[in-house]
C-alpha atoms as a PDB file:
ATOM      1  CA  MET A   1      -1.319  91.578-186.662  1.00  0.00           C
ATOM      2  CA  LEU A   2      -5.065  91.187-186.931  1.00  0.00           C
ATOM      3  CA  PHE A   3      -5.095  93.911-189.573  1.00  0.00           C
ATOM      4  CA  LEU A   4      -2.633  91.921-191.674  1.00  0.00           C
ATOM      5  CA  VAL A   5      -4.769  88.787-191.392  1.00  0.00           C
ATOM      6  CA  PHE A   6      -7.844  90.648-192.614  1.00  0.00           C
ATOM      7  CA  LEU A   7      -5.809  92.282-195.367  1.00  0.00           C
ATOM      8  CA  LEU A   8      -4.688  88.828-196.472  1.00  0.00           C
ATOM      9  CA  LEU A   9      -8.280  87.595-196.473  1.00  0.00           C
ATOM     10  CA  LEU A  10      -9.390  90.611-198.488  1.00  0.00           C
ATOM     11  CA  SER A  11      -6.595  90.080-200.997  1.00  0.00           C
ATOM     12  CA  LEU A  12      -7.852  86.543-201.525  1.00  0.00           C
ATOM     13  CA  GLY A  13     -10.929  88.137-203.100  1.00  0.00           C
ATOM     14  CA  PHE A  14      -8.948  88.601-206.315  1.00  0.00           C
ATOM     15  CA  THR A  15      -7.972  84.955-206.548  1.00  0.00           C
ATOM     16  CA  GLN A  16      -9.862  81.737-207.032  1.00  0.00           C
ATOM     17  CA  TYR A  17     -10.415  81.592-203.259  1.00  0.00           C
ATOM     18  CA  GLY A  18     -12.474  84.786-203.227  1.00  0.00           C
ATOM     19  CA  GLN A  19     -15.755  83.114-202.385  1.00  0.00           C
ATOM     20  CA  ILE A  20     -14.195  81.183-199.496  1.00  0.00           C
ATOM     21  CA  ALA A  21     -12.627  84.370-198.131  1.00  0.00           C
ATOM     22  CA  ASN A  22     -15.978  86.130-198.417  1.00  0.00           C
ATOM     23  CA  TYR A  23     -17.748  83.395-196.462  1.00  0.00           C
ATOM     24  CA  LEU A  24     -14.996  83.417-193.863  1.00  0.00           C
ATOM     25  CA  LEU A  25     -15.254  87.186-193.300  1.00  0.00           C
ATOM     26  CA  ILE A  26     -19.050  86.989-193.104  1.00  0.00           C
ATOM     27  CA  SER A  27     -18.774  84.171-190.561  1.00  0.00           C
ATOM     28  CA  ILE A  28     -16.310  86.121-188.424  1.00  0.00           C
ATOM     29  CA  ARG A  29     -18.597  89.142-188.443  1.00  0.00           C
ATOM     30  CA  LEU A  30     -21.666  87.090-187.513  1.00  0.00           C
ATOM     31  CA  VAL A  31     -19.792  85.409-184.650  1.00  0.00           C
ATOM     32  CA  LEU A  32     -18.692  88.787-183.256  1.00  0.00           C
ATOM     33  CA  VAL A  33     -22.229  90.173-183.520  1.00  0.00           C
ATOM     34  CA  ALA A  34     -23.604  87.083-181.780  1.00  0.00           C
ATOM     35  CA  ILE A  35     -21.077  87.335-178.937  1.00  0.00           C
ATOM     36  CA  LEU A  36     -21.823  91.021-178.347  1.00  0.00           C
ATOM     37  CA  SER A  37     -25.561  90.361-178.514  1.00  0.00           C
ATOM     38  CA  ILE A  38     -25.315  87.597-175.937  1.00  0.00           C
ATOM     39  CA  LEU A  39     -23.291  89.814-173.599  1.00  0.00           C
ATOM     40  CA  PHE A  40     -25.726  92.708-173.863  1.00  0.00           C
ATOM     41  CA  VAL A  41     -28.800  90.507-173.391  1.00  0.00           C
ATOM     42  CA  ARG A  42     -27.095  88.903-170.386  1.00  0.00           C
ATOM     43  CA  GLU A  43     -26.550  92.294-168.785  1.00  0.00           C
ATOM     44  CA  TRP A  44     -30.059  93.464-169.581  1.00  0.00           C
ATOM     45  CA  TRP A  45     -31.565  90.250-168.184  1.00  0.00           C
ATOM     46  CA  LYS A  46     -29.541  90.504-164.979  1.00  0.00           C
ATOM     47  CA  TYR A  47     -30.496  94.114-164.229  1.00  0.00           C
ATOM     48  CA  ARG A  48     -33.972  94.374-165.735  1.00  0.00           C
ATOM     49  CA  HIS A  49     -35.790  94.520-162.368  1.00  0.00           C
ATOM     50  CA  ASP A  50     -33.134  95.835-160.023  1.00  0.00           C
ATOM     51  CA  PRO A  51     -30.625  98.161-161.688  1.00  0.00           C
ATOM     52  CA  GLN A  52     -28.615  98.637-158.481  1.00  0.00           C
ATOM     53  CA  GLY A  53     -28.340  94.914-157.755  1.00  0.00           C
ATOM     54  CA  THR A  54     -29.386  95.396-154.125  1.00  0.00           C
ATOM     55  CA  GLU A  55     -32.376  93.068-154.088  1.00  0.00           C
ATOM     56  CA  ASN A  56     -30.703  90.129-155.803  1.00  0.00           C
ATOM     57  CA  ARG A  57     -27.276  90.726-154.208  1.00  0.00           C
ATOM     58  CA  VAL A  58     -25.765  90.690-157.690  1.00  0.00           C
ATOM     59  CA  THR A  59     -22.093  91.532-157.713  1.00  0.00           C
ATOM     60  CA  PRO A  60     -20.526  92.850-160.908  1.00  0.00           C
ATOM     61  CA  ASP A  61     -18.102  90.536-162.633  1.00  0.00           C
ATOM     62  CA  ALA A  62     -15.395  91.088-165.238  1.00  0.00           C
ATOM     63  CA  GLY A  63     -17.913  90.923-168.090  1.00  0.00           C
ATOM     64  CA  ASP A  64     -19.977  93.706-166.574  1.00  0.00           C
ATOM     65  CA  SER A  65     -17.033  96.068-166.268  1.00  0.00           C
ATOM     66  CA  ALA A  66     -16.042  95.372-169.877  1.00  0.00           C
ATOM     67  CA  LEU A  67     -19.580  96.156-171.000  1.00  0.00           C
ATOM     68  CA  ARG A  68     -19.583  99.362-168.957  1.00  0.00           C
ATOM     69  CA  ARG A  69     -16.305 100.439-170.563  1.00  0.00           C
ATOM     70  CA  PHE A  70     -17.700  99.632-174.010  1.00  0.00           C
ATOM     71  CA  ARG A  71     -20.882 101.608-173.246  1.00  0.00           C
ATOM     72  CA  ARG A  72     -18.873 104.611-172.002  1.00  0.00           C
ATOM     73  CA  TRP A  73     -16.731 104.470-175.157  1.00  0.00           C
ATOM     74  CA  TYR A  74     -19.784 104.138-177.416  1.00  0.00           C
ATOM     75  CA  TYR A  75     -21.685 107.024-175.839  1.00  0.00           C
ATOM     76  CA  ASP A  76     -18.470 109.011-175.283  1.00  0.00           C
ATOM     77  CA  SER A  77     -19.240 109.638-171.642  1.00  0.00           C
ATOM     78  CA  SER A  78     -16.969 109.915-168.657  1.00  0.00           C
ATOM     79  CA  ARG A  79     -17.130 107.812-165.523  1.00  0.00           C
END
């Protein structure tokens, strides 16, 4: 479904709404980059002094497990 939405937006590039579609796609990309950046900085900030979380008694939350899965996928490593 998402593919069809982006295909529709890309097809608008050949119409009079091309510039609007271009700005919309750029905005979507920047928002996704900002969200991922915030998540990665959050994880780095939380574990910068104590990677095991023992000193601060930090428990992993749902965001941490999602970031670990993304990191394993990106580096193509196993658990």
